[in-house]
PDB file of N, CA and C in Angstrom:
ATOM      1  N   UNK A   1      99.980  79.303  78.595  1.00  0.00           N
ATOM      2  CA  UNK A   1     100.044  79.737  80.055  1.00  0.00           C
ATOM      3  C   UNK A   1     101.188  80.466  80.336  1.00  0.00           C
ATOM      4  N   UNK A   2     100.846  81.609  81.112  1.00  0.00           N
ATOM      5  CA  UNK A   2     102.122  82.453  81.443  1.00  0.00           C
ATOM      6  C   UNK A   2     102.566  82.254  82.879  1.00  0.00           C
ATOM      7  N   UNK A   3     103.933  82.437  82.876  1.00  0.00           N
ATOM      8  CA  UNK A   3     104.663  81.932  84.085  1.00  0.00           C
ATOM      9  C   UNK A   3     105.313  83.301  84.562  1.00  0.00           C
ATOM     10  N   UNK A   4     104.982  83.795  85.621  1.00  0.00           N
ATOM     11  CA  UNK A   4     105.575  84.998  86.055  1.00  0.00           C
ATOM     12  C   UNK A   4     106.588  84.841  87.333  1.00  0.00           C
ATOM     13  N   UNK A   5     107.807  85.217  87.178  1.00  0.00           N
ATOM     14  CA  UNK A   5     108.678  84.917  87.898  1.00  0.00           C
ATOM     15  C   UNK A   5     109.233  85.948  88.877  1.00  0.00           C
ATOM     16  N   UNK A   6     108.617  86.987  88.719  1.00  0.00           N
ATOM     17  CA  UNK A   6     109.023  88.114  89.591  1.00  0.00           C
ATOM     18  C   UNK A   6     107.769  88.867  90.646  1.00  0.00           C
ATOM     19  N   UNK A   7     108.163  89.481  91.400  1.00  0.00           N
ATOM     20  CA  UNK A   7     107.381  90.162  92.472  1.00  0.00           C
ATOM     21  C   UNK A   7     107.588  91.627  92.383  1.00  0.00           C
ATOM     22  N   UNK A   8     106.521  92.607  92.496  1.00  0.00           N
ATOM     23  CA  UNK A   8     106.864  94.051  92.381  1.00  0.00           C
ATOM     24  C   UNK A   8     106.843  94.594  93.715  1.00  0.00           C
ATOM     25  N   UNK A   9     108.183  94.863  94.240  1.00  0.00           N
ATOM     26  CA  UNK A   9     108.376  95.378  95.588  1.00  0.00           C
ATOM     27  C   UNK A   9     109.199  96.514  95.466  1.00  0.00           C
ATOM     28  N   UNK A  10     108.869  97.644  96.208  1.00  0.00           N
ATOM     29  CA  UNK A  10     109.687  98.781  96.323  1.00  0.00           C
ATOM     30  C   UNK A  10     110.093  99.511  94.907  1.00  0.00           C
ATOM     31  N   UNK A  11     108.886  99.442  94.251  1.00  0.00           N
ATOM     32  CA  UNK A  11     109.184 100.079  92.809  1.00  0.00           C
ATOM     33  C   UNK A  11     109.970  99.208  91.677  1.00  0.00           C
ATOM     34  N   UNK A  12     110.049  97.936  91.890  1.00  0.00           N
ATOM     35  CA  UNK A  12     111.057  97.444  90.987  1.00  0.00           C
ATOM     36  C   UNK A  12     110.529  95.910  90.976  1.00  0.00           C
ATOM     37  N   UNK A  13     110.624  95.302  89.734  1.00  0.00           N
ATOM     38  CA  UNK A  13     110.411  93.712  89.783  1.00  0.00           C
ATOM     39  C   UNK A  13     111.817  92.993  90.076  1.00  0.00           C
ATOM     40  N   UNK A  14     111.277  91.961  91.017  1.00  0.00           N
ATOM     41  CA  UNK A  14     112.610  91.199  91.628  1.00  0.00           C
ATOM     42  C   UNK A  14     112.097  89.926  91.716  1.00  0.00           C
ATOM     43  N   UNK A  15     113.092  89.102  91.725  1.00  0.00           N
ATOM     44  CA  UNK A  15     112.987  87.577  91.702  1.00  0.00           C
ATOM     45  C   UNK A  15     112.447  87.263  93.074  1.00  0.00           C
ATOM     46  N   UNK A  16     111.386  86.372  93.016  1.00  0.00           N
ATOM     47  CA  UNK A  16     110.988  85.762  94.343  1.00  0.00           C
ATOM     48  C   UNK A  16     112.137  85.098  95.175  1.00  0.00           C
ATOM     49  N   UNK A  17     112.039  85.247  96.519  1.00  0.00           N
ATOM     50  CA  UNK A  17     113.183  84.532  97.260  1.00  0.00           C
ATOM     51  C   UNK A  17     113.108  83.033  97.140  1.00  0.00           C
ATOM     52  N   UNK A  18     111.747  82.536  97.159  1.00  0.00           N
ATOM     53  CA  UNK A  18     111.547  81.196  97.061  1.00  0.00           C
ATOM     54  C   UNK A  18     111.271  80.462  95.656  1.00  0.00           C
ATOM     55  N   UNK A  19     111.331  79.171  95.263  1.00  0.00           N
ATOM     56  CA  UNK A  19     111.095  78.666  94.248  1.00  0.00           C
ATOM     57  C   UNK A  19     109.497  78.290  93.897  1.00  0.00           C
ATOM     58  N   UNK A  20     108.688  78.189  95.101  1.00  0.00           N
ATOM     59  CA  UNK A  20     107.473  78.026  94.821  1.00  0.00           C
ATOM     60  C   UNK A  20     106.583  78.848  94.121  1.00  0.00           C
ATOM     61  N   UNK A  21     105.603  78.166  93.479  1.00  0.00           N
ATOM     62  CA  UNK A  21     104.375  79.181  92.832  1.00  0.00           C
ATOM     63  C   UNK A  21     103.165  78.670  93.166  1.00  0.00           C
ATOM     64  N   UNK A  22     102.323  79.715  92.900  1.00  0.00           N
ATOM     65  CA  UNK A  22     100.933  79.533  92.977  1.00  0.00           C
ATOM     66  C   UNK A  22      99.976  79.444  91.864  1.00  0.00           C
ATOM     67  N   UNK A  23      99.011  78.475  91.421  1.00  0.00           N
ATOM     68  CA  UNK A  23      98.557  78.514  90.250  1.00  0.00           C
ATOM     69  C   UNK A  23      97.280  79.682  90.137  1.00  0.00           C
ATOM     70  N   UNK A  24      97.143  80.197  89.043  1.00  0.00           N
ATOM     71  CA  UNK A  24      96.070  81.126  88.886  1.00  0.00           C
ATOM     72  C   UNK A  24      95.140  80.579  88.075  1.00  0.00           C
ATOM     73  N   UNK A  25      93.763  80.341  88.711  1.00  0.00           N
ATOM     74  CA  UNK A  25      92.797  79.652  88.040  1.00  0.00           C
ATOM     75  C   UNK A  25      91.610  80.597  87.609  1.00  0.00           C
ATOM     76  N   UNK A  26      91.283  80.211  86.110  1.00  0.00           N
ATOM     77  CA  UNK A  26      90.166  81.002  85.758  1.00  0.00           C
ATOM     78  C   UNK A  26      88.799  80.487  86.240  1.00  0.00           C
ATOM     79  N   UNK A  27      88.008  81.379  86.950  1.00  0.00           N
ATOM     80  CA  UNK A  27      86.952  80.943  87.796  1.00  0.00           C
ATOM     81  C   UNK A  27      85.682  80.378  86.919  1.00  0.00           C
ATOM     82  N   UNK A  28      85.873  80.929  85.396  1.00  0.00           N
ATOM     83  CA  UNK A  28      84.637  80.557  84.495  1.00  0.00           C
ATOM     84  C   UNK A  28      84.851  79.030  84.169  1.00  0.00           C
ATOM     85  N   UNK A  29      86.103  78.516  83.938  1.00  0.00           N
ATOM     86  CA  UNK A  29      86.351  77.037  83.502  1.00  0.00           C
ATOM     87  C   UNK A  29      87.123  76.283  84.416  1.00  0.00           C
ATOM     88  N   UNK A  30      87.804  76.844  85.428  1.00  0.00           N
ATOM     89  CA  UNK A  30      88.532  76.461  86.290  1.00  0.00           C
ATOM     90  C   UNK A  30      89.827  76.013  85.555  1.00  0.00           C
ATOM     91  N   UNK A  31      90.437  76.408  84.648  1.00  0.00           N
ATOM     92  CA  UNK A  31      91.417  76.164  84.061  1.00  0.00           C
ATOM     93  C   UNK A  31      92.674  76.796  84.621  1.00  0.00           C
ATOM     94  N   UNK A  32      93.844  76.350  84.763  1.00  0.00           N
ATOM     95  CA  UNK A  32      95.087  77.116  85.180  1.00  0.00           C
ATOM     96  C   UNK A  32      95.385  78.021  83.928  1.00  0.00           C
ATOM     97  N   UNK A  33      95.531  79.222  84.167  1.00  0.00           N
ATOM     98  CA  UNK A  33      95.923  80.353  83.325  1.00  0.00           C
ATOM     99  C   UNK A  33      97.149  80.780  83.519  1.00  0.00           C
ATOM    100  N   UNK A  34      97.858  80.587  84.701  1.00  0.00           N
ATOM    101  CA  UNK A  34      99.341  81.219  84.986  1.00  0.00           C
ATOM    102  C   UNK A  34      99.536  80.662  86.245  1.00  0.00           C
ATOM    103  N   UNK A  35     100.980  80.956  86.422  1.00  0.00           N
ATOM    104  CA  UNK A  35     101.532  80.619  87.707  1.00  0.00           C
ATOM    105  C   UNK A  35     102.119  81.994  88.379  1.00  0.00           C
ATOM    106  N   UNK A  36     102.162  82.208  89.573  1.00  0.00           N
ATOM    107  CA  UNK A  36     102.755  83.359  90.059  1.00  0.00           C
ATOM    108  C   UNK A  36     103.527  82.965  91.233  1.00  0.00           C
ATOM    109  N   UNK A  37     104.719  83.657  91.732  1.00  0.00           N
ATOM    110  CA  UNK A  37     105.582  83.339  92.942  1.00  0.00           C
ATOM    111  C   UNK A  37     104.845  83.163  94.068  1.00  0.00           C
ATOM    112  N   UNK A  38     104.922  82.403  94.986  1.00  0.00           N
ATOM    113  CA  UNK A  38     104.531  82.300  96.343  1.00  0.00           C
ATOM    114  C   UNK A  38     105.618  83.042  97.362  1.00  0.00           C
ATOM    115  N   UNK A  39     105.035  83.961  97.644  1.00  0.00           N
ATOM    116  CA  UNK A  39     105.921  84.816  98.544  1.00  0.00           C
ATOM    117  C   UNK A  39     106.530  84.001  99.721  1.00  0.00           C
ATOM    118  N   UNK A  40     107.639  84.293 100.013  1.00  0.00           N
ATOM    119  CA  UNK A  40     108.273  83.844 101.499  1.00  0.00           C
ATOM    120  C   UNK A  40     108.179  84.842 102.560  1.00  0.00           C
ATOM    121  N   UNK A  41     108.616  84.523 103.563  1.00  0.00           N
ATOM    122  CA  UNK A  41     108.656  85.469 104.643  1.00  0.00           C
ATOM    123  C   UNK A  41     109.779  86.381 104.386  1.00  0.00           C
ATOM    124  N   UNK A  42     110.852  86.148 103.664  1.00  0.00           N
ATOM    125  CA  UNK A  42     111.690  87.191 103.126  1.00  0.00           C
ATOM    126  C   UNK A  42     111.149  88.175 102.207  1.00  0.00           C
ATOM    127  N   UNK A  43     110.282  87.772 101.275  1.00  0.00           N
ATOM    128  CA  UNK A  43     109.532  88.636 100.388  1.00  0.00           C
ATOM    129  C   UNK A  43     108.627  89.705 101.019  1.00  0.00           C
ATOM    130  N   UNK A  44     108.132  89.095 102.160  1.00  0.00           N
ATOM    131  CA  UNK A  44     107.112  89.780 103.034  1.00  0.00           C
ATOM    132  C   UNK A  44     107.645  90.831 103.664  1.00  0.00           C
ATOM    133  N   UNK A  45     108.723  90.492 104.340  1.00  0.00           N
ATOM    134  CA  UNK A  45     109.481  91.488 105.045  1.00  0.00           C
ATOM    135  C   UNK A  45     109.977  92.594 103.999  1.00  0.00           C
ATOM    136  N   UNK A  46     110.612  92.467 102.888  1.00  0.00           N
ATOM    137  CA  UNK A  46     111.120  93.295 101.985  1.00  0.00           C
ATOM    138  C   UNK A  46     109.795  94.311 101.745  1.00  0.00           C
ATOM    139  N   UNK A  47     108.509  93.752 101.445  1.00  0.00           N
ATOM    140  CA  UNK A  47     107.420  94.427 101.075  1.00  0.00           C
ATOM    141  C   UNK A  47     106.892  95.248 102.389  1.00  0.00           C
ATOM    142  N   UNK A  48     107.118  94.976 103.359  1.00  0.00           N
ATOM    143  CA  UNK A  48     106.769  95.666 104.596  1.00  0.00           C
ATOM    144  C   UNK A  48     107.751  96.847 104.747  1.00  0.00           C
ATOM    145  N   UNK A  49     108.855  96.560 104.633  1.00  0.00           N
ATOM    146  CA  UNK A  49     110.034  97.612 104.484  1.00  0.00           C
ATOM    147  C   UNK A  49     109.651  98.649 103.848  1.00  0.00           C
ATOM    148  N   UNK A  50     109.526  98.391 102.464  1.00  0.00           N
ATOM    149  CA  UNK A  50     109.126  99.314 101.415  1.00  0.00           C
ATOM    150  C   UNK A  50     107.989 100.049 101.618  1.00  0.00           C
ATOM    151  N   UNK A  51     106.953  99.500 102.424  1.00  0.00           N
ATOM    152  CA  UNK A  51     105.531 100.111 102.656  1.00  0.00           C
ATOM    153  C   UNK A  51     105.912 101.245 103.856  1.00  0.00           C
ATOM    154  N   UNK A  52     106.589 100.631 104.827  1.00  0.00           N
ATOM    155  CA  UNK A  52     106.917 101.574 105.796  1.00  0.00           C
ATOM    156  C   UNK A  52     107.802 102.840 105.425  1.00  0.00           C
ATOM    157  N   UNK A  53     108.681 102.566 104.445  1.00  0.00           N
ATOM    158  CA  UNK A  53     109.573 103.646 104.125  1.00  0.00           C
ATOM    159  C   UNK A  53     108.866 104.605 103.094  1.00  0.00           C
ATOM    160  N   UNK A  54     107.721 104.243 102.621  1.00  0.00           N
ATOM    161  CA  UNK A  54     106.971 105.008 101.580  1.00  0.00           C
ATOM    162  C   UNK A  54     106.106 105.892 102.299  1.00  0.00           C
ATOM    163  N   UNK A  55     105.567 105.394 103.460  1.00  0.00           N
ATOM    164  CA  UNK A  55     104.462 105.998 104.202  1.00  0.00           C
ATOM    165  C   UNK A  55     104.991 106.034 105.834  1.00  0.00           C
ATOM    166  N   UNK A  56     105.938 107.052 106.187  1.00  0.00           N
ATOM    167  CA  UNK A  56     106.448 107.314 107.452  1.00  0.00           C
ATOM    168  C   UNK A  56     105.492 107.832 108.253  1.00  0.00           C
ATOM    169  N   UNK A  57     105.348 107.633 109.382  1.00  0.00           N
ATOM    170  CA  UNK A  57     104.411 108.125 110.631  1.00  0.00           C
ATOM    171  C   UNK A  57     104.224 109.578 110.273  1.00  0.00           C
TER     172      UNK A  57
END
């Protein structure tokens, strides 16, 4: 099983702000195949700031 500990925000991989993860489930057999970071409000804010900077009005 793979464990991914980073989030791709603003063109770079960064460690998630919180320790929680979300299991990734294979829909064919319902086995957990990986875990990915559960984004926090801090991660969302960083992603939104990066998106706004990338696409100005």
